[in-house]
Amino acid sequence: MTKKMAARWLLRIRLAERGIFNTTDLMPHLEERGVKLSRMQVYRLVTEEPIRVSMDHIAALCDILSCTPSDLIEVVPEARPTRRAANERGTLPSGIKPVRARLHKR
């Protein structure tokens, strides 16, 4: 069985802890550290879970927030839907009986 892991991006929480609520307030701090991103790129970095993040960006964010990369990224087991066996059927609440559908030709 393969164990699947997922990563949660916690940048927005770390920014809020430091009193930074607007993504535009983060831009000057990044530029001071040599990271040039557009307003939209900074917005996406903060509000969305990135697939890839540059090491330079992580280093700059850690310096700005006085934290470590593990404070920005949380690794959690991915919730996987449980699978039923082929012969196992779902149960209906008592008193409800399924009605077979009828198809009519036009």
PDB file of N, CA and C in Angstrom:
ATOM      1  N   MET A   1       0.843  -1.174   0.000  1.00  0.00           N
ATOM      2  CA  MET A   1       0.000   0.000   0.000  1.00  0.00           C
ATOM      3  C   MET A   1       0.891   1.241   0.000  1.00  0.00           C
ATOM      4  N   THR A   2       0.605   2.177  -0.873  1.00  0.00           N
ATOM      5  CA  THR A   2       1.380   3.398  -0.977  1.00  0.00           C
ATOM      6  C   THR A   2       0.770   4.466  -0.085  1.00  0.00           C
ATOM      7  N   LYS A   3       1.601   5.084   0.712  1.00  0.00           N
ATOM      8  CA  LYS A   3       1.147   6.168   1.572  1.00  0.00           C
ATOM      9  C   LYS A   3       1.291   7.464   0.802  1.00  0.00           C
ATOM     10  N   LYS A   4       0.219   8.209   0.661  1.00  0.00           N
ATOM     11  CA  LYS A   4       0.234   9.437  -0.111  1.00  0.00           C
ATOM     12  C   LYS A   4       0.247  10.622   0.849  1.00  0.00           C
ATOM     13  N   MET A   5       1.114  11.586   0.565  1.00  0.00           N
ATOM     14  CA  MET A   5       1.237  12.754   1.428  1.00  0.00           C
ATOM     15  C   MET A   5       0.846  14.007   0.647  1.00  0.00           C
ATOM     16  N   ALA A   6       0.390  14.998   1.358  1.00  0.00           N
ATOM     17  CA  ALA A   6       0.035  16.279   0.762  1.00  0.00           C
ATOM     18  C   ALA A   6       0.704  17.381   1.582  1.00  0.00           C
ATOM     19  N   ALA A   7       0.890  18.524   0.961  1.00  0.00           N
ATOM     20  CA  ALA A   7       1.505  19.657   1.659  1.00  0.00           C
ATOM     21  C   ALA A   7       0.496  20.792   1.761  1.00  0.00           C
ATOM     22  N   ARG A   8       0.431  21.402   2.938  1.00  0.00           N
ATOM     23  CA  ARG A   8      -0.432  22.578   3.135  1.00  0.00           C
ATOM     24  C   ARG A   8       0.455  23.809   3.196  1.00  0.00           C
ATOM     25  N   TRP A   9       0.083  24.845   2.470  1.00  0.00           N
ATOM     26  CA  TRP A   9       0.823  26.090   2.390  1.00  0.00           C
ATOM     27  C   TRP A   9       0.285  27.017   3.460  1.00  0.00           C
ATOM     28  N   LEU A  10       1.116  27.402   4.424  1.00  0.00           N
ATOM     29  CA  LEU A  10       0.689  28.176   5.591  1.00  0.00           C
ATOM     30  C   LEU A  10       1.137  29.634   5.551  1.00  0.00           C
ATOM     31  N   LEU A  11       1.521  30.127   4.377  1.00  0.00           N
ATOM     32  CA  LEU A  11       2.053  31.489   4.284  1.00  0.00           C
ATOM     33  C   LEU A  11       1.042  32.525   4.759  1.00  0.00           C
ATOM     34  N   ARG A  12      -0.202  32.378   4.364  1.00  0.00           N
ATOM     35  CA  ARG A  12      -1.214  33.378   4.739  1.00  0.00           C
ATOM     36  C   ARG A  12      -1.362  33.471   6.255  1.00  0.00           C
ATOM     37  N   ILE A  13      -1.307  32.346   6.931  1.00  0.00           N
ATOM     38  CA  ILE A  13      -1.410  32.327   8.397  1.00  0.00           C
ATOM     39  C   ILE A  13      -0.200  33.011   9.016  1.00  0.00           C
ATOM     40  N   ARG A  14       0.996  32.693   8.510  1.00  0.00           N
ATOM     41  CA  ARG A  14       2.221  33.303   9.052  1.00  0.00           C
ATOM     42  C   ARG A  14       2.231  34.812   8.825  1.00  0.00           C
ATOM     43  N   LEU A  15       1.733  35.266   7.692  1.00  0.00           N
ATOM     44  CA  LEU A  15       1.659  36.710   7.432  1.00  0.00           C
ATOM     45  C   LEU A  15       0.692  37.378   8.407  1.00  0.00           C
ATOM     46  N   ALA A  16      -0.458  36.761   8.628  1.00  0.00           N
ATOM     47  CA  ALA A  16      -1.448  37.324   9.552  1.00  0.00           C
ATOM     48  C   ALA A  16      -0.891  37.413  10.968  1.00  0.00           C
ATOM     49  N   GLU A  17      -0.088  36.432  11.368  1.00  0.00           N
ATOM     50  CA  GLU A  17       0.528  36.471  12.694  1.00  0.00           C
ATOM     51  C   GLU A  17       1.471  37.670  12.840  1.00  0.00           C
ATOM     52  N   ARG A  18       2.032  38.128  11.728  1.00  0.00           N
ATOM     53  CA  ARG A  18       2.945  39.273  11.740  1.00  0.00           C
ATOM     54  C   ARG A  18       2.231  40.587  11.417  1.00  0.00           C
ATOM     55  N   GLY A  19       0.909  40.532  11.247  1.00  0.00           N
ATOM     56  CA  GLY A  19       0.137  41.751  10.980  1.00  0.00           C
ATOM     57  C   GLY A  19       0.165  42.187   9.524  1.00  0.00           C
ATOM     58  N   ILE A  20       0.535  41.302   8.615  1.00  0.00           N
ATOM     59  CA  ILE A  20       0.532  41.621   7.184  1.00  0.00           C
ATOM     60  C   ILE A  20      -0.712  40.973   6.588  1.00  0.00           C
ATOM     61  N   PHE A  21      -1.692  41.807   6.230  1.00  0.00           N
ATOM     62  CA  PHE A  21      -2.961  41.289   5.729  1.00  0.00           C
ATOM     63  C   PHE A  21      -3.163  41.559   4.240  1.00  0.00           C
ATOM     64  N   ASN A  22      -2.452  42.524   3.679  1.00  0.00           N
ATOM     65  CA  ASN A  22      -2.550  42.823   2.254  1.00  0.00           C
ATOM     66  C   ASN A  22      -1.327  42.264   1.552  1.00  0.00           C
ATOM     67  N   THR A  23      -1.564  41.632   0.415  1.00  0.00           N
ATOM     68  CA  THR A  23      -0.436  41.051  -0.314  1.00  0.00           C
ATOM     69  C   THR A  23       0.501  42.137  -0.835  1.00  0.00           C
ATOM     70  N   THR A  24      -0.030  43.332  -1.077  1.00  0.00           N
ATOM     71  CA  THR A  24       0.835  44.414  -1.558  1.00  0.00           C
ATOM     72  C   THR A  24       1.808  44.878  -0.477  1.00  0.00           C
ATOM     73  N   ASP A  25       1.483  44.637   0.787  1.00  0.00           N
ATOM     74  CA  ASP A  25       2.399  44.990   1.879  1.00  0.00           C
ATOM     75  C   ASP A  25       3.615  44.067   1.908  1.00  0.00           C
ATOM     76  N   LEU A  26       3.499  42.897   1.302  1.00  0.00           N
ATOM     77  CA  LEU A  26       4.599  41.937   1.266  1.00  0.00           C
ATOM     78  C   LEU A  26       5.608  42.282   0.161  1.00  0.00           C
ATOM     79  N   MET A  27       5.150  42.931  -0.889  1.00  0.00           N
ATOM     80  CA  MET A  27       6.002  43.203  -2.055  1.00  0.00           C
ATOM     81  C   MET A  27       7.291  43.956  -1.728  1.00  0.00           C
ATOM     82  N   PRO A  28       7.257  45.056  -0.967  1.00  0.00           N
ATOM     83  CA  PRO A  28       8.510  45.762  -0.667  1.00  0.00           C
ATOM     84  C   PRO A  28       9.513  44.902   0.110  1.00  0.00           C
ATOM     85  N   HIS A  29       8.998  44.051   0.998  1.00  0.00           N
ATOM     86  CA  HIS A  29       9.878  43.171   1.771  1.00  0.00           C
ATOM     87  C   HIS A  29      10.579  42.172   0.849  1.00  0.00           C
ATOM     88  N   LEU A  30       9.847  41.641  -0.134  1.00  0.00           N
ATOM     89  CA  LEU A  30      10.442  40.712  -1.091  1.00  0.00           C
ATOM     90  C   LEU A  30      11.476  41.416  -1.965  1.00  0.00           C
ATOM     91  N   GLU A  31      11.148  42.625  -2.426  1.00  0.00           N
ATOM     92  CA  GLU A  31      12.076  43.380  -3.283  1.00  0.00           C
ATOM     93  C   GLU A  31      13.365  43.716  -2.555  1.00  0.00           C
ATOM     94  N   GLU A  32      13.299  43.996  -1.248  1.00  0.00           N
ATOM     95  CA  GLU A  32      14.499  44.261  -0.452  1.00  0.00           C
ATOM     96  C   GLU A  32      15.451  43.064  -0.471  1.00  0.00           C
ATOM     97  N   ARG A  33      14.884  41.884  -0.657  1.00  0.00           N
ATOM     98  CA  ARG A  33      15.680  40.656  -0.653  1.00  0.00           C
ATOM     99  C   ARG A  33      15.956  40.131  -2.062  1.00  0.00           C
ATOM    100  N   GLY A  34      15.694  40.971  -3.058  1.00  0.00           N
ATOM    101  CA  GLY A  34      16.030  40.632  -4.437  1.00  0.00           C
ATOM    102  C   GLY A  34      15.012  39.765  -5.162  1.00  0.00           C
ATOM    103  N   VAL A  35      13.824  39.608  -4.604  1.00  0.00           N
ATOM    104  CA  VAL A  35      12.776  38.811  -5.247  1.00  0.00           C
ATOM    105  C   VAL A  35      11.813  39.776  -5.933  1.00  0.00           C
ATOM    106  N   LYS A  36      11.821  39.754  -7.258  1.00  0.00           N
ATOM    107  CA  LYS A  36      10.956  40.638  -8.052  1.00  0.00           C
ATOM    108  C   LYS A  36       9.774  39.836  -8.565  1.00  0.00           C
ATOM    109  N   LEU A  37       8.605  40.105  -8.016  1.00  0.00           N
ATOM    110  CA  LEU A  37       7.374  39.452  -8.451  1.00  0.00           C
ATOM    111  C   LEU A  37       6.322  40.513  -8.732  1.00  0.00           C
ATOM    112  N   SER A  38       5.448  40.238  -9.687  1.00  0.00           N
ATOM    113  CA  SER A  38       4.354  41.170  -9.966  1.00  0.00           C
ATOM    114  C   SER A  38       3.332  41.096  -8.835  1.00  0.00           C
ATOM    115  N   ARG A  39       2.446  42.053  -8.805  1.00  0.00           N
ATOM    116  CA  ARG A  39       1.405  42.099  -7.784  1.00  0.00           C
ATOM    117  C   ARG A  39       0.555  40.821  -7.827  1.00  0.00           C
ATOM    118  N   MET A  40       0.235  40.359  -9.051  1.00  0.00           N
ATOM    119  CA  MET A  40      -0.576  39.150  -9.208  1.00  0.00           C
ATOM    120  C   MET A  40       0.182  37.900  -8.762  1.00  0.00           C
ATOM    121  N   GLN A  41       1.476  37.841  -9.030  1.00  0.00           N
ATOM    122  CA  GLN A  41       2.272  36.687  -8.601  1.00  0.00           C
ATOM    123  C   GLN A  41       2.341  36.609  -7.074  1.00  0.00           C
ATOM    124  N   VAL A  42       2.489  37.749  -6.423  1.00  0.00           N
ATOM    125  CA  VAL A  42       2.521  37.771  -4.954  1.00  0.00           C
ATOM    126  C   VAL A  42       1.153  37.357  -4.413  1.00  0.00           C
ATOM    127  N   TYR A  43       0.084  37.849  -5.036  1.00  0.00           N
ATOM    128  CA  TYR A  43      -1.264  37.481  -4.612  1.00  0.00           C
ATOM    129  C   TYR A  43      -1.458  35.966  -4.696  1.00  0.00           C
ATOM    130  N   ARG A  44      -1.057  35.361  -5.826  1.00  0.00           N
ATOM    131  CA  ARG A  44      -1.198  33.912  -5.995  1.00  0.00           C
ATOM    132  C   ARG A  44      -0.314  33.140  -5.019  1.00  0.00           C
ATOM    133  N   LEU A  45       0.889  33.654  -4.759  1.00  0.00           N
ATOM    134  CA  LEU A  45       1.799  33.003  -3.815  1.00  0.00           C
ATOM    135  C   LEU A  45       1.182  32.934  -2.425  1.00  0.00           C
ATOM    136  N   VAL A  46       0.461  33.979  -2.043  1.00  0.00           N
ATOM    137  CA  VAL A  46      -0.135  34.040  -0.709  1.00  0.00           C
ATOM    138  C   VAL A  46      -1.450  33.276  -0.642  1.00  0.00           C
ATOM    139  N   THR A  47      -2.307  33.417  -1.629  1.00  0.00           N
ATOM    140  CA  THR A  47      -3.670  32.891  -1.527  1.00  0.00           C
ATOM    141  C   THR A  47      -3.859  31.474  -2.045  1.00  0.00           C
ATOM    142  N   GLU A  48      -2.972  30.993  -2.915  1.00  0.00           N
ATOM    143  CA  GLU A  48      -3.126  29.659  -3.474  1.00  0.00           C
ATOM    144  C   GLU A  48      -2.015  28.739  -2.972  1.00  0.00           C
ATOM    145  N   GLU A  49      -2.266  27.445  -3.056  1.00  0.00           N
ATOM    146  CA  GLU A  49      -1.228  26.484  -2.708  1.00  0.00           C
ATOM    147  C   GLU A  49      -0.349  26.269  -3.932  1.00  0.00           C
ATOM    148  N   PRO A  50       0.898  26.718  -3.883  1.00  0.00           N
ATOM    149  CA  PRO A  50       1.761  26.582  -5.061  1.00  0.00           C
ATOM    150  C   PRO A  50       2.199  25.139  -5.279  1.00  0.00           C
ATOM    151  N   ILE A  51       2.398  24.806  -6.541  1.00  0.00           N
ATOM    152  CA  ILE A  51       2.902  23.479  -6.882  1.00  0.00           C
ATOM    153  C   ILE A  51       4.417  23.470  -6.735  1.00  0.00           C
ATOM    154  N   ARG A  52       5.056  24.551  -7.196  1.00  0.00           N
ATOM    155  CA  ARG A  52       6.511  24.712  -7.086  1.00  0.00           C
ATOM    156  C   ARG A  52       6.792  26.087  -6.486  1.00  0.00           C
ATOM    157  N   VAL A  53       7.776  26.132  -5.620  1.00  0.00           N
ATOM    158  CA  VAL A  53       8.211  27.405  -5.043  1.00  0.00           C
ATOM    159  C   VAL A  53       9.727  27.450  -5.129  1.00  0.00           C
ATOM    160  N   SER A  54      10.251  28.557  -5.601  1.00  0.00           N
ATOM    161  CA  SER A  54      11.688  28.742  -5.713  1.00  0.00           C
ATOM    162  C   SER A  54      12.326  28.760  -4.322  1.00  0.00           C
ATOM    163  N   MET A  55      13.512  28.197  -4.236  1.00  0.00           N
ATOM    164  CA  MET A  55      14.243  28.230  -2.967  1.00  0.00           C
ATOM    165  C   MET A  55      14.550  29.664  -2.550  1.00  0.00           C
ATOM    166  N   ASP A  56      14.801  30.539  -3.545  1.00  0.00           N
ATOM    167  CA  ASP A  56      15.031  31.956  -3.240  1.00  0.00           C
ATOM    168  C   ASP A  56      13.800  32.589  -2.601  1.00  0.00           C
ATOM    169  N   HIS A  57      12.627  32.211  -3.088  1.00  0.00           N
ATOM    170  CA  HIS A  57      11.386  32.757  -2.535  1.00  0.00           C
ATOM    171  C   HIS A  57      11.168  32.256  -1.112  1.00  0.00           C
ATOM    172  N   ILE A  58      11.418  30.973  -0.894  1.00  0.00           N
ATOM    173  CA  ILE A  58      11.259  30.421   0.465  1.00  0.00           C
ATOM    174  C   ILE A  58      12.253  31.065   1.421  1.00  0.00           C
ATOM    175  N   ALA A  59      13.497  31.239   0.976  1.00  0.00           N
ATOM    176  CA  ALA A  59      14.508  31.871   1.827  1.00  0.00           C
ATOM    177  C   ALA A  59      14.113  33.299   2.174  1.00  0.00           C
ATOM    178  N   ALA A  60      13.604  34.043   1.194  1.00  0.00           N
ATOM    179  CA  ALA A  60      13.180  35.426   1.443  1.00  0.00           C
ATOM    180  C   ALA A  60      11.999  35.473   2.404  1.00  0.00           C
ATOM    181  N   LEU A  61      11.023  34.584   2.199  1.00  0.00           N
ATOM    182  CA  LEU A  61       9.856  34.553   3.081  1.00  0.00           C
ATOM    183  C   LEU A  61      10.253  34.182   4.502  1.00  0.00           C
ATOM    184  N   CYS A  62      11.163  33.230   4.645  1.00  0.00           N
ATOM    185  CA  CYS A  62      11.633  32.844   5.981  1.00  0.00           C
ATOM    186  C   CYS A  62      12.365  33.990   6.663  1.00  0.00           C
ATOM    187  N   ASP A  63      13.138  34.757   5.895  1.00  0.00           N
ATOM    188  CA  ASP A  63      13.840  35.906   6.455  1.00  0.00           C
ATOM    189  C   ASP A  63      12.852  36.997   6.872  1.00  0.00           C
ATOM    190  N   ILE A  64      11.864  37.265   6.032  1.00  0.00           N
ATOM    191  CA  ILE A  64      10.860  38.294   6.323  1.00  0.00           C
ATOM    192  C   ILE A  64      10.066  37.929   7.574  1.00  0.00           C
ATOM    193  N   LEU A  65       9.679  36.674   7.687  1.00  0.00           N
ATOM    194  CA  LEU A  65       8.804  36.241   8.768  1.00  0.00           C
ATOM    195  C   LEU A  65       9.545  35.666   9.972  1.00  0.00           C
ATOM    196  N   SER A  66      10.879  35.625   9.892  1.00  0.00           N
ATOM    197  CA  SER A  66      11.704  35.049  10.970  1.00  0.00           C
ATOM    198  C   SER A  66      11.205  33.655  11.336  1.00  0.00           C
ATOM    199  N   CYS A  67      11.125  32.812  10.319  1.00  0.00           N
ATOM    200  CA  CYS A  67      10.633  31.455  10.538  1.00  0.00           C
ATOM    201  C   CYS A  67      11.481  30.471   9.730  1.00  0.00           C
ATOM    202  N   THR A  68      11.122  29.213   9.774  1.00  0.00           N
ATOM    203  CA  THR A  68      11.808  28.178   9.013  1.00  0.00           C
ATOM    204  C   THR A  68      10.854  27.667   7.922  1.00  0.00           C
ATOM    205  N   PRO A  69      11.382  26.948   6.923  1.00  0.00           N
ATOM    206  CA  PRO A  69      10.499  26.398   5.896  1.00  0.00           C
ATOM    207  C   PRO A  69       9.397  25.490   6.462  1.00  0.00           C
ATOM    208  N   SER A  70       9.672  24.803   7.551  1.00  0.00           N
ATOM    209  CA  SER A  70       8.642  23.940   8.138  1.00  0.00           C
ATOM    210  C   SER A  70       7.497  24.741   8.756  1.00  0.00           C
ATOM    211  N   ASP A  71       7.725  26.037   8.999  1.00  0.00           N
ATOM    212  CA  ASP A  71       6.637  26.896   9.465  1.00  0.00           C
ATOM    213  C   ASP A  71       5.735  27.322   8.303  1.00  0.00           C
ATOM    214  N   LEU A  72       6.245  27.241   7.082  1.00  0.00           N
ATOM    215  CA  LEU A  72       5.477  27.630   5.897  1.00  0.00           C
ATOM    216  C   LEU A  72       4.778  26.452   5.233  1.00  0.00           C
ATOM    217  N   ILE A  73       5.349  25.255   5.394  1.00  0.00           N
ATOM    218  CA  ILE A  73       4.815  24.075   4.718  1.00  0.00           C
ATOM    219  C   ILE A  73       4.544  22.996   5.758  1.00  0.00           C
ATOM    220  N   GLU A  74       3.328  22.490   5.768  1.00  0.00           N
ATOM    221  CA  GLU A  74       2.962  21.401   6.673  1.00  0.00           C
ATOM    222  C   GLU A  74       2.664  20.166   5.826  1.00  0.00           C
ATOM    223  N   VAL A  75       3.339  19.086   6.116  1.00  0.00           N
ATOM    224  CA  VAL A  75       3.124  17.839   5.381  1.00  0.00           C
ATOM    225  C   VAL A  75       2.132  16.991   6.172  1.00  0.00           C
ATOM    226  N   VAL A  76       1.043  16.610   5.493  1.00  0.00           N
ATOM    227  CA  VAL A  76      -0.021  15.837   6.135  1.00  0.00           C
ATOM    228  C   VAL A  76      -0.389  14.645   5.250  1.00  0.00           C
ATOM    229  N   PRO A  77      -0.861  13.560   5.857  1.00  0.00           N
ATOM    230  CA  PRO A  77      -1.332  12.439   5.040  1.00  0.00           C
ATOM    231  C   PRO A  77      -2.550  12.877   4.235  1.00  0.00           C
ATOM    232  N   GLU A  78      -2.591  12.463   2.980  1.00  0.00           N
ATOM    233  CA  GLU A  78      -3.703  12.855   2.124  1.00  0.00           C
ATOM    234  C   GLU A  78      -4.917  11.993   2.456  1.00  0.00           C
ATOM    235  N   ALA A  79      -6.054  12.654   2.597  1.00  0.00           N
ATOM    236  CA  ALA A  79      -7.295  11.930   2.869  1.00  0.00           C
ATOM    237  C   ALA A  79      -7.702  11.192   1.608  1.00  0.00           C
ATOM    238  N   ARG A  80      -7.803   9.877   1.720  1.00  0.00           N
ATOM    239  CA  ARG A  80      -8.177   9.065   0.563  1.00  0.00           C
ATOM    240  C   ARG A  80      -9.561   8.497   0.799  1.00  0.00           C
ATOM    241  N   PRO A  81     -10.396   8.517  -0.226  1.00  0.00           N
ATOM    242  CA  PRO A  81     -11.739   7.949  -0.045  1.00  0.00           C
ATOM    243  C   PRO A  81     -11.645   6.440   0.181  1.00  0.00           C
ATOM    244  N   THR A  82     -12.487   5.944   1.048  1.00  0.00           N
ATOM    245  CA  THR A  82     -12.494   4.508   1.304  1.00  0.00           C
ATOM    246  C   THR A  82     -13.199   3.813   0.156  1.00  0.00           C
ATOM    247  N   ARG A  83     -12.666   2.674  -0.214  1.00  0.00           N
ATOM    248  CA  ARG A  83     -13.254   1.919  -1.320  1.00  0.00           C
ATOM    249  C   ARG A  83     -14.024   0.738  -0.764  1.00  0.00           C
ATOM    250  N   ARG A  84     -15.159   0.466  -1.411  1.00  0.00           N
ATOM    251  CA  ARG A  84     -15.968  -0.674  -1.001  1.00  0.00           C
ATOM    252  C   ARG A  84     -15.603  -1.878  -1.855  1.00  0.00           C
ATOM    253  N   ALA A  85     -15.806  -3.019  -1.291  1.00  0.00           N
ATOM    254  CA  ALA A  85     -15.585  -4.248  -2.045  1.00  0.00           C
ATOM    255  C   ALA A  85     -16.646  -4.354  -3.136  1.00  0.00           C
ATOM    256  N   ALA A  86     -16.354  -5.107  -4.190  1.00  0.00           N
ATOM    257  CA  ALA A  86     -17.256  -5.217  -5.333  1.00  0.00           C
ATOM    258  C   ALA A  86     -18.612  -5.779  -4.936  1.00  0.00           C
ATOM    259  N   ASN A  87     -18.653  -6.693  -3.970  1.00  0.00           N
ATOM    260  CA  ASN A  87     -19.912  -7.310  -3.587  1.00  0.00           C
ATOM    261  C   ASN A  87     -20.613  -6.565  -2.442  1.00  0.00           C
ATOM    262  N   GLU A  88     -20.015  -5.525  -1.925  1.00  0.00           N
ATOM    263  CA  GLU A  88     -20.588  -4.772  -0.815  1.00  0.00           C
ATOM    264  C   GLU A  88     -21.519  -3.695  -1.351  1.00  0.00           C
ATOM    265  N   ARG A  89     -22.705  -3.595  -0.787  1.00  0.00           N
ATOM    266  CA  ARG A  89     -23.668  -2.588  -1.228  1.00  0.00           C
ATOM    267  C   ARG A  89     -23.884  -1.570  -0.114  1.00  0.00           C
ATOM    268  N   GLY A  90     -24.190  -0.365  -0.526  1.00  0.00           N
ATOM    269  CA  GLY A  90     -24.519   0.667   0.448  1.00  0.00           C
ATOM    270  C   GLY A  90     -25.877   0.381   1.059  1.00  0.00           C
ATOM    271  N   THR A  91     -26.107   0.838   2.254  1.00  0.00           N
ATOM    272  CA  THR A  91     -27.395   0.599   2.898  1.00  0.00           C
ATOM    273  C   THR A  91     -28.223   1.866   2.856  1.00  0.00           C
ATOM    274  N   LEU A  92     -29.523   1.693   2.708  1.00  0.00           N
ATOM    275  CA  LEU A  92     -30.459   2.811   2.702  1.00  0.00           C
ATOM    276  C   LEU A  92     -31.097   2.925   4.068  1.00  0.00           C
ATOM    277  N   PRO A  93     -31.517   4.128   4.431  1.00  0.00           N
ATOM    278  CA  PRO A  93     -32.235   4.256   5.705  1.00  0.00           C
ATOM    279  C   PRO A  93     -33.492   3.380   5.691  1.00  0.00           C
ATOM    280  N   SER A  94     -33.918   2.948   6.855  1.00  0.00           N
ATOM    281  CA  SER A  94     -35.082   2.058   6.928  1.00  0.00           C
ATOM    282  C   SER A  94     -36.319   2.767   6.383  1.00  0.00           C
ATOM    283  N   GLY A  95     -37.164   2.012   5.719  1.00  0.00           N
ATOM    284  CA  GLY A  95     -38.404   2.559   5.174  1.00  0.00           C
ATOM    285  C   GLY A  95     -38.264   3.076   3.751  1.00  0.00           C
ATOM    286  N   ILE A  96     -37.057   3.140   3.212  1.00  0.00           N
ATOM    287  CA  ILE A  96     -36.859   3.627   1.851  1.00  0.00           C
ATOM    288  C   ILE A  96     -36.495   2.439   0.972  1.00  0.00           C
ATOM    289  N   LYS A  97     -37.278   2.273  -0.102  1.00  0.00           N
ATOM    290  CA  LYS A  97     -37.010   1.186  -1.034  1.00  0.00           C
ATOM    291  C   LYS A  97     -36.706   1.786  -2.396  1.00  0.00           C
ATOM    292  N   PRO A  98     -35.694   1.303  -3.066  1.00  0.00           N
ATOM    293  CA  PRO A  98     -35.380   1.834  -4.384  1.00  0.00           C
ATOM    294  C   PRO A  98     -36.457   1.439  -5.397  1.00  0.00           C
ATOM    295  N   VAL A  99     -36.706   2.328  -6.348  1.00  0.00           N
ATOM    296  CA  VAL A  99     -37.667   2.067  -7.408  1.00  0.00           C
ATOM    297  C   VAL A  99     -36.888   1.955  -8.706  1.00  0.00           C
ATOM    298  N   ARG A 100     -37.130   0.877  -9.433  1.00  0.00           N
ATOM    299  CA  ARG A 100     -36.432   0.665 -10.699  1.00  0.00           C
ATOM    300  C   ARG A 100     -36.907   1.690 -11.720  1.00  0.00           C
ATOM    301  N   ALA A 101     -35.949   2.297 -12.414  1.00  0.00           N
ATOM    302  CA  ALA A 101     -36.282   3.292 -13.427  1.00  0.00           C
ATOM    303  C   ALA A 101     -36.843   2.607 -14.660  1.00  0.00           C
ATOM    304  N   ARG A 102     -37.789   3.260 -15.329  1.00  0.00           N
ATOM    305  CA  ARG A 102     -38.357   2.756 -16.573  1.00  0.00           C
ATOM    306  C   ARG A 102     -38.053   3.736 -17.671  1.00  0.00           C
ATOM    307  N   LEU A 103     -37.571   3.217 -18.776  1.00  0.00           N
ATOM    308  CA  LEU A 103     -37.271   4.051 -19.926  1.00  0.00           C
ATOM    309  C   LEU A 103     -38.366   3.861 -20.963  1.00  0.00           C
ATOM    310  N   HIS A 104     -38.848   4.953 -21.526  1.00  0.00           N
ATOM    311  CA  HIS A 104     -39.896   4.910 -22.538  1.00  0.00           C
ATOM    312  C   HIS A 104     -39.339   5.425 -23.852  1.00  0.00           C
ATOM    313  N   LYS A 105     -39.647   4.720 -24.952  1.00  0.00           N
ATOM    314  CA  LYS A 105     -39.248   5.190 -26.272  1.00  0.00           C
ATOM    315  C   LYS A 105     -40.192   6.294 -26.719  1.00  0.00           C
ATOM    316  N   ARG A 106     -39.685   7.230 -27.430  1.00  0.00           N
ATOM    317  CA  ARG A 106     -40.536   8.285 -27.987  1.00  0.00           C
ATOM    318  C   ARG A 106     -40.750   8.055 -29.444  1.00  0.00           C
TER     319      ARG A 106
END
